[in-house]
Amino acid sequence: MMHIESPLLSRPSLCLRPLAVILPIAALTFLSLLAGRALFIQAYSPDALKPLHTSLPSSICHKSHLAFCEPPSVKGTDAYHLKALELQLLQSAWSKRSKRSTIGKVFVRYGKYLDDYEPAFASHQLHSLLHGYEHFVLDSPIIDGLWVKEAALLQIVLEQLALPEKERLQWPMWADADTLILNALTPLELFLPPESAPELADVHLLYTKDWNGLNNGVFFLRVSSWSIDFLSAILAYRTFKPDAELAFTEQSAMANVLEMPEYKDKAVECPAPWFNGYQSDGEHDKEQQVREGGLLVHFPGVEDKLAAIGQWVDKCKNERGNCEKVFGDMPGYLEEIETFWEKVRSRRRDDDPKVE
C-alpha cells in the first residue's frame, strides 16, 4: 500500500507553511482588487443610476435601484462623510443582492422645506443601501394636505397585493421627512413581530404614542387586506364624520379609527425609542427620547428643523461611536425587544391584545 504523508504532519512542510499562507492571501487580495475595479467601472457607468422600473401613476416614484428616484445629492452625501466612490460601490452591491427585502420605506419629497430635509433623506438612503430596502417616493401631491400619507400607502398596498405573494413587500414603513437615521447599522426587521409566532400573524400595524397620543410620523404597516380597510377608513373619516374635531388632521383620524374594535385588536403600540424617538426638550417624558445607539430621531413640533437636523448630523460626525452601534454591543436592547414580543404573544394567547 502506498503511504501518502500528510502535509500537516510532515516536518518539512513546517518550513513551507508561511508561504502556503501567504500565497492564498496574495491571490485573494489580487482578486479583490480586480473585483473592486469592476465595481468602480460599473458604479461610474451611465447605467449605474438608471432605475429598473417605475410604477404608475408617475407621481409615486418607485425605484428598486439605488438611485432612489434621483441620484443622492452632494449635500446629503457630504453630510454623512460618504465619498462618491463609497456610495456608488454600495449602490452596485445593493443591486446585486440575492433577494428582495420584505421591507420598503415610503416618503414624501416635495414642498418648500425640501432642501432643509435633504440630510435626513440622505441618512435614510445610506441605511437602505446597507440593508437592501426599497424606497417609494411621492414627489407631488395626489390628495390635499397631510392625507397624502394614507393615500400613498393605500396605493402601494394595493399594488403589492396585485403581485404574486413571493414577489411582494411585506412591511412598508412610513417615515416623515423630518426623521434622521442615527444608527444605520440597525435592521428594521429587528422590530417586526417574529414570524415564528403564529399568535402574531394577525398584527398588521406597529405604531407609537407620545404625550399627545398617537404619532404616525413613523410606523409599519403589513401588506394585507386589513391594511386596505384601515387606510380606506382613515381617508373616509372626514367625509362620514364631518363634525369630528381632528386636531392633528389625518393623524387624529387614524387615532380615532384605531379605537374601533375591528382595527384596535390588530395593531400593537411599540416603545417610541425603537423607531420614533424624539430629542429631549426638557419637559416631556424621557420614555419618548431617542437612546444611544437608537435607530432615528424625529423632530415633530420643532420650530427650526434645519438647525436641529444639522446639530444631530454634527453630533454623529463627532461621536460616531455613540450613534452607530451593532446590536451585539447592546444586549439589553435585544432582550427588551424579545421580552416585549413575548408579552404580546402571551396576551394574545389569553385573547387580550392590549400591551401595557
Protein backbone atom coordinates (compact mmCIF):
# COMPACT_ATOMS: atom_id res chain seq x y z
CA MET A 1 0.00 0.00 0.00
CA MET A 2 1.34 3.40 -0.95
CA HIS A 3 1.93 5.65 2.01
CA ILE A 4 0.91 9.27 1.48
CA GLU A 5 2.37 11.54 4.06
CA SER A 6 0.06 14.23 5.32
CA PRO A 7 1.46 17.71 4.68
CA LEU A 8 0.03 18.76 8.02
CA LEU A 9 2.09 16.14 9.82
CA SER A 10 5.31 16.17 7.81
CA ARG A 11 8.15 18.11 9.34
CA PRO A 12 9.49 19.62 6.08
CA SER A 13 6.15 21.27 5.43
CA LEU A 14 6.61 23.38 8.53
CA CYS A 15 9.14 25.48 6.65
CA LEU A 16 6.74 25.98 3.77
CA ARG A 17 3.72 26.84 5.89
CA PRO A 18 4.26 30.65 5.83
CA LEU A 19 4.43 30.53 2.04
CA ALA A 20 1.31 28.37 1.94
CA VAL A 21 -0.48 31.00 3.95
CA ILE A 22 0.88 34.00 2.03
CA LEU A 23 0.07 32.74 -1.45
CA PRO A 24 -3.72 32.36 -0.90
CA ILE A 25 -3.85 35.75 0.79
CA ALA A 26 -1.98 37.36 -2.11
CA ALA A 27 -4.27 35.68 -4.61
CA LEU A 28 -7.35 36.78 -2.68
CA THR A 29 -6.04 40.34 -2.50
CA PHE A 30 -5.42 40.40 -6.25
CA LEU A 31 -8.92 39.09 -6.98
CA SER A 32 -10.41 41.66 -4.59
CA LEU A 33 -8.62 44.45 -6.42
CA LEU A 34 -9.96 43.19 -9.73
CA ALA A 35 -13.47 42.98 -8.29
CA GLY A 36 -13.14 46.46 -6.84
CA ARG A 37 -12.01 47.81 -10.20
CA ALA A 38 -15.02 46.17 -11.88
CA LEU A 39 -17.36 47.66 -9.28
CA PHE A 40 -15.76 51.07 -9.78
CA ILE A 41 -16.25 50.92 -13.55
CA GLN A 42 -19.84 49.73 -13.20
CA ALA A 43 -20.67 52.26 -10.50
CA TYR A 44 -19.48 55.14 -12.65
CA SER A 45 -21.04 53.93 -15.87
CA PRO A 46 -24.07 55.86 -17.22
CA ASP A 47 -26.30 52.87 -16.48
CA ALA A 48 -25.37 52.73 -12.81
CA LEU A 49 -28.02 55.20 -11.75
CA LYS A 50 -30.80 54.08 -14.07
CA PRO A 51 -33.86 52.65 -12.35
CA LEU A 52 -35.07 49.16 -13.06
CA HIS A 53 -38.68 50.25 -13.27
CA THR A 54 -41.08 52.98 -12.28
CA SER A 55 -44.57 52.28 -11.07
CA LEU A 56 -47.67 54.06 -12.33
CA PRO A 57 -49.02 56.62 -11.81
CA SER A 58 -45.75 58.51 -12.08
CA SER A 59 -46.48 60.67 -9.04
CA ILE A 60 -45.33 57.78 -6.86
CA CYS A 61 -41.81 57.04 -7.97
CA HIS A 62 -40.80 53.51 -7.03
CA LYS A 63 -37.22 52.69 -7.72
CA SER A 64 -35.86 49.29 -6.87
CA HIS A 65 -32.43 50.53 -7.90
CA LEU A 66 -30.36 52.61 -5.54
CA ALA A 67 -30.86 55.80 -7.49
CA PHE A 68 -33.94 56.03 -5.25
CA CYS A 69 -35.77 58.22 -7.76
CA GLU A 70 -32.85 60.61 -8.01
CA PRO A 71 -29.06 60.49 -7.63
CA PRO A 72 -28.06 61.17 -4.00
CA SER A 73 -27.25 64.83 -3.57
CA VAL A 74 -23.77 66.13 -2.91
CA LYS A 75 -25.10 67.92 0.16
CA GLY A 76 -26.57 64.79 1.63
CA THR A 77 -23.55 62.68 0.76
CA ASP A 78 -21.14 65.16 2.32
CA ALA A 79 -23.24 65.31 5.48
CA TYR A 80 -22.53 61.66 6.16
CA HIS A 81 -18.88 61.56 5.07
CA LEU A 82 -19.76 59.35 2.14
CA LYS A 83 -17.36 59.76 -0.73
CA ALA A 84 -18.85 59.38 -4.19
CA LEU A 85 -16.99 56.12 -4.78
CA GLU A 86 -18.16 54.62 -1.48
CA LEU A 87 -21.75 55.48 -2.28
CA GLN A 88 -21.54 54.07 -5.79
CA LEU A 89 -19.97 50.85 -4.55
CA LEU A 90 -22.80 50.47 -2.05
CA GLN A 91 -25.28 51.03 -4.84
CA SER A 92 -23.67 48.40 -7.01
CA ALA A 93 -23.61 45.85 -4.19
CA TRP A 94 -27.26 46.60 -3.38
CA SER A 95 -28.34 45.97 -6.96
CA LYS A 96 -26.73 42.53 -6.83
CA ARG A 97 -28.36 41.42 -3.58
CA SER A 98 -29.59 37.84 -3.65
CA LYS A 99 -33.24 38.55 -2.90
CA ARG A 100 -35.70 41.38 -2.49
CA SER A 101 -36.18 42.74 1.00
CA THR A 102 -39.58 42.36 2.59
CA ILE A 103 -39.45 45.96 3.85
CA GLY A 104 -39.85 49.18 1.86
CA LYS A 105 -39.71 52.79 3.01
CA VAL A 106 -42.30 55.37 1.96
CA PHE A 107 -41.54 59.11 1.79
CA VAL A 108 -42.97 62.41 0.59
CA ARG A 109 -40.41 64.54 -1.25
CA TYR A 110 -41.93 67.87 -2.21
CA GLY A 111 -42.69 71.24 -0.65
CA LYS A 112 -40.82 74.40 0.28
CA TYR A 113 -38.77 72.71 3.01
CA LEU A 114 -37.39 70.01 0.73
CA ASP A 115 -33.80 71.28 0.87
CA ASP A 116 -33.91 71.53 4.67
CA TYR A 117 -34.69 67.83 4.91
CA GLU A 118 -32.01 66.71 2.42
CA PRO A 119 -29.56 65.45 5.08
CA ALA A 120 -32.39 63.48 6.70
CA PHE A 121 -33.29 61.80 3.43
CA ALA A 122 -29.61 61.08 2.75
CA SER A 123 -29.42 59.28 6.09
CA HIS A 124 -32.30 57.03 5.01
CA GLN A 125 -30.54 56.37 1.71
CA LEU A 126 -27.43 55.15 3.48
CA HIS A 127 -29.47 52.99 5.84
CA SER A 128 -31.39 51.44 2.95
CA LEU A 129 -28.23 50.87 0.93
CA LEU A 130 -26.74 48.90 3.80
CA HIS A 131 -29.83 46.73 4.34
CA GLY A 132 -31.37 46.47 0.88
CA TYR A 133 -34.62 48.38 1.48
CA GLU A 134 -36.54 49.80 -1.46
CA HIS A 135 -37.89 53.34 -1.48
CA PHE A 136 -41.30 54.58 -2.55
CA VAL A 137 -41.14 58.34 -3.02
CA LEU A 138 -44.12 60.59 -3.62
CA ASP A 139 -42.80 63.64 -5.47
CA SER A 140 -46.07 65.54 -5.97
CA PRO A 141 -49.38 65.74 -4.07
CA ILE A 142 -52.13 63.31 -5.04
CA ILE A 143 -54.59 64.50 -2.37
CA ASP A 144 -54.83 67.57 -0.17
CA GLY A 145 -52.70 68.19 2.87
CA LEU A 146 -51.31 65.52 5.15
CA TRP A 147 -53.89 62.99 3.98
CA VAL A 148 -51.45 62.19 1.21
CA LYS A 149 -49.76 59.82 3.66
CA GLU A 150 -52.63 57.34 3.75
CA ALA A 151 -53.38 57.81 0.05
CA ALA A 152 -49.82 56.92 -0.95
CA LEU A 153 -49.74 53.92 1.37
CA LEU A 154 -53.07 52.70 0.07
CA GLN A 155 -51.80 52.77 -3.49
CA ILE A 156 -48.65 50.89 -2.54
CA VAL A 157 -50.51 48.20 -0.60
CA LEU A 158 -52.92 47.69 -3.50
CA GLU A 159 -50.05 47.40 -5.97
CA GLN A 160 -48.21 44.91 -3.79
CA LEU A 161 -51.27 42.72 -3.27
CA ALA A 162 -51.66 42.53 -7.05
CA LEU A 163 -48.25 40.83 -7.27
CA PRO A 164 -47.63 37.12 -6.70
CA GLU A 165 -47.15 36.53 -2.99
CA LYS A 166 -43.46 35.69 -3.28
CA GLU A 167 -42.77 38.98 -5.06
CA ARG A 168 -44.50 41.28 -2.59
CA LEU A 169 -43.13 43.51 0.07
CA GLN A 170 -44.49 42.55 3.47
CA TRP A 171 -43.99 45.66 5.57
CA PRO A 172 -43.88 49.21 4.14
CA MET A 173 -42.55 51.68 6.70
CA TRP A 174 -43.76 55.26 6.56
CA ALA A 175 -41.16 57.87 7.59
CA ASP A 176 -41.87 61.60 7.83
CA ALA A 177 -39.42 63.93 6.10
CA ASP A 178 -38.11 65.18 9.46
CA THR A 179 -36.75 61.81 10.58
CA LEU A 180 -32.98 61.37 10.68
CA ILE A 181 -31.34 57.94 10.81
CA LEU A 182 -28.73 57.88 13.57
CA ASN A 183 -27.72 54.22 13.64
CA ALA A 184 -27.56 52.95 10.07
CA LEU A 185 -26.42 49.55 11.37
CA THR A 186 -29.88 48.79 12.79
CA PRO A 187 -32.01 46.47 10.63
CA LEU A 188 -35.72 47.30 10.62
CA GLU A 189 -36.55 43.60 10.72
CA LEU A 190 -35.49 43.67 14.35
CA PHE A 191 -38.71 45.44 15.37
CA LEU A 192 -41.18 43.30 13.42
CA PRO A 193 -43.30 40.57 15.01
CA PRO A 194 -41.36 37.28 14.97
CA GLU A 195 -42.53 35.15 12.07
CA SER A 196 -42.15 32.05 14.21
CA ALA A 197 -45.02 33.18 16.47
CA PRO A 198 -48.44 32.25 14.99
CA GLU A 199 -50.16 34.43 17.60
CA LEU A 200 -48.62 37.48 15.92
CA ALA A 201 -49.63 36.67 12.36
CA ASP A 202 -52.65 38.96 12.69
CA VAL A 203 -50.60 42.00 13.76
CA HIS A 204 -50.92 44.47 10.89
CA LEU A 205 -49.76 47.79 12.35
CA LEU A 206 -46.86 48.86 14.57
CA TYR A 207 -47.16 52.39 15.93
CA THR A 208 -46.01 54.64 18.77
CA LYS A 209 -47.52 57.28 21.03
CA ASP A 210 -46.30 60.46 22.69
CA TRP A 211 -47.81 62.96 25.15
CA ASN A 212 -50.39 63.94 22.51
CA GLY A 213 -51.43 60.37 21.82
CA LEU A 214 -50.73 58.62 18.52
CA ASN A 215 -47.80 59.91 16.50
CA ASN A 216 -47.76 58.48 12.99
CA GLY A 217 -44.51 60.08 11.86
CA VAL A 218 -43.04 56.58 11.65
CA PHE A 219 -44.98 53.33 11.56
CA PHE A 220 -45.01 49.89 9.96
CA LEU A 221 -47.99 48.55 8.03
CA ARG A 222 -48.36 44.97 6.82
CA VAL A 223 -49.33 44.42 3.18
CA SER A 224 -52.78 42.88 3.68
CA SER A 225 -56.48 43.34 3.02
CA TRP A 226 -56.78 44.59 6.62
CA SER A 227 -54.48 47.49 5.74
CA ILE A 228 -56.64 48.39 2.75
CA ASP A 229 -59.69 48.60 5.00
CA PHE A 230 -57.75 50.52 7.65
CA LEU A 231 -56.34 53.14 5.27
CA SER A 232 -59.68 53.49 3.50
CA ALA A 233 -61.40 54.12 6.82
CA ILE A 234 -58.93 56.89 7.65
CA LEU A 235 -59.31 58.57 4.27
CA ALA A 236 -63.11 58.40 4.51
CA TYR A 237 -63.25 59.58 8.12
CA ARG A 238 -63.70 63.30 7.46
CA THR A 239 -66.37 62.54 4.85
CA PHE A 240 -68.53 60.41 7.10
CA LYS A 241 -67.76 62.36 10.28
CA PRO A 242 -67.53 65.96 9.03
CA ASP A 243 -68.15 67.39 12.50
CA ALA A 244 -65.39 65.41 14.18
CA GLU A 245 -62.63 67.50 15.70
CA LEU A 246 -59.33 66.47 14.14
CA ALA A 247 -56.67 68.48 15.94
CA PHE A 248 -53.87 66.74 14.05
CA THR A 249 -55.80 66.13 10.80
CA GLU A 250 -55.15 62.63 9.40
CA GLN A 251 -53.18 61.62 12.49
CA SER A 252 -56.23 62.27 14.64
CA ALA A 253 -58.38 60.37 12.16
CA MET A 254 -56.01 57.42 12.38
CA ALA A 255 -56.13 57.54 16.18
CA ASN A 256 -59.94 57.51 16.11
CA VAL A 257 -60.06 54.64 13.63
CA LEU A 258 -57.68 52.68 15.83
CA GLU A 259 -60.25 52.84 18.61
CA MET A 260 -62.71 50.84 16.51
CA PRO A 261 -62.83 47.17 17.57
CA GLU A 262 -62.14 45.81 14.09
CA TYR A 263 -58.83 47.70 13.96
CA LYS A 264 -57.72 48.02 17.57
CA ASP A 265 -57.02 44.33 18.06
CA LYS A 266 -54.77 44.11 15.02
CA ALA A 267 -52.41 46.95 15.97
CA VAL A 268 -49.58 46.99 18.51
CA GLU A 269 -48.17 50.03 20.26
CA CYS A 270 -44.38 49.79 20.42
CA PRO A 271 -41.91 51.72 22.59
CA ALA A 272 -41.25 55.06 20.89
CA PRO A 273 -37.43 54.91 21.14
CA TRP A 274 -37.40 51.82 18.93
CA PHE A 275 -38.20 53.64 15.70
CA ASN A 276 -39.78 57.02 16.56
CA GLY A 277 -37.64 58.60 19.27
CA TYR A 278 -37.53 62.35 19.93
CA GLN A 279 -34.79 64.67 21.07
CA SER A 280 -35.06 65.90 24.65
CA ASP A 281 -36.95 69.13 25.18
CA GLY A 282 -36.55 69.19 28.95
CA GLU A 283 -40.29 68.98 29.55
CA HIS A 284 -41.82 65.75 28.35
CA ASP A 285 -41.48 62.10 29.23
CA LYS A 286 -37.99 60.67 28.84
CA GLU A 287 -39.58 57.47 27.57
CA GLN A 288 -40.07 59.23 24.23
CA GLN A 289 -36.43 60.19 23.84
CA VAL A 290 -34.05 58.56 21.41
CA ARG A 291 -31.42 56.40 23.07
CA GLU A 292 -27.73 55.99 22.46
CA GLY A 293 -27.50 53.61 19.53
CA GLY A 294 -31.16 54.21 18.63
CA LEU A 295 -32.39 53.94 15.05
CA LEU A 296 -33.53 57.50 14.40
CA VAL A 297 -34.61 60.83 15.82
CA HIS A 298 -37.87 62.54 14.84
CA PHE A 299 -38.47 66.31 15.16
CA PRO A 300 -42.24 66.88 15.50
CA GLY A 301 -43.12 70.35 16.76
CA VAL A 302 -39.52 71.61 16.48
CA GLU A 303 -39.60 75.13 15.03
CA ASP A 304 -36.15 75.22 13.42
CA LYS A 305 -35.91 71.73 12.00
CA LEU A 306 -32.98 72.64 9.75
CA ALA A 307 -30.88 73.64 12.75
CA ALA A 308 -31.98 70.60 14.77
CA ILE A 309 -31.14 68.19 11.96
CA GLY A 310 -27.77 69.89 11.49
CA GLN A 311 -26.96 69.58 15.18
CA TRP A 312 -27.66 65.85 15.16
CA VAL A 313 -25.67 65.34 11.97
CA ASP A 314 -22.71 67.09 13.61
CA LYS A 315 -23.21 65.08 16.80
CA CYS A 316 -22.98 61.81 14.89
CA LYS A 317 -19.94 63.05 12.98
CA ASN A 318 -18.11 63.87 16.19
CA GLU A 319 -19.43 60.99 18.29
CA ARG A 320 -19.91 58.32 15.65
CA GLY A 321 -19.36 55.52 18.14
CA ASN A 322 -22.33 56.72 20.19
CA CYS A 323 -24.65 56.82 17.19
CA GLU A 324 -23.68 53.70 15.27
CA LYS A 325 -23.66 50.57 17.38
CA VAL A 326 -24.06 46.94 16.44
CA PHE A 327 -26.67 45.16 18.49
CA GLY A 328 -24.11 42.72 19.77
CA ASP A 329 -22.86 45.64 21.85
CA MET A 330 -26.35 46.36 23.18
CA PRO A 331 -27.61 43.04 24.61
CA GLY A 332 -30.13 44.81 26.81
CA TYR A 333 -31.82 46.30 23.75
CA LEU A 334 -32.25 42.90 22.10
CA GLU A 335 -33.55 41.41 25.31
CA GLU A 336 -36.08 44.25 25.62
CA ILE A 337 -37.42 43.59 22.12
CA GLU A 338 -37.67 39.84 22.68
CA THR A 339 -39.40 40.33 26.03
CA PHE A 340 -41.84 42.81 24.52
CA TRP A 341 -42.99 40.46 21.78
CA GLU A 342 -43.23 37.56 24.21
CA LYS A 343 -45.62 39.66 26.31
CA VAL A 344 -47.67 40.44 23.22
CA ARG A 345 -47.82 36.73 22.40
CA SER A 346 -48.88 35.88 25.92
CA ARG A 347 -51.68 38.44 25.93
CA ARG A 348 -52.92 37.28 22.56
CA ARG A 349 -52.96 33.71 23.74
CA ASP A 350 -55.20 34.94 26.53
CA ASP A 351 -57.37 36.80 23.96
CA ASP A 352 -56.24 40.15 25.30
CA PRO A 353 -54.20 42.07 22.69
CA LYS A 354 -53.58 45.05 24.94
CA VAL A 355 -49.97 45.56 25.97
CA GLU A 356 -49.03 47.63 28.95
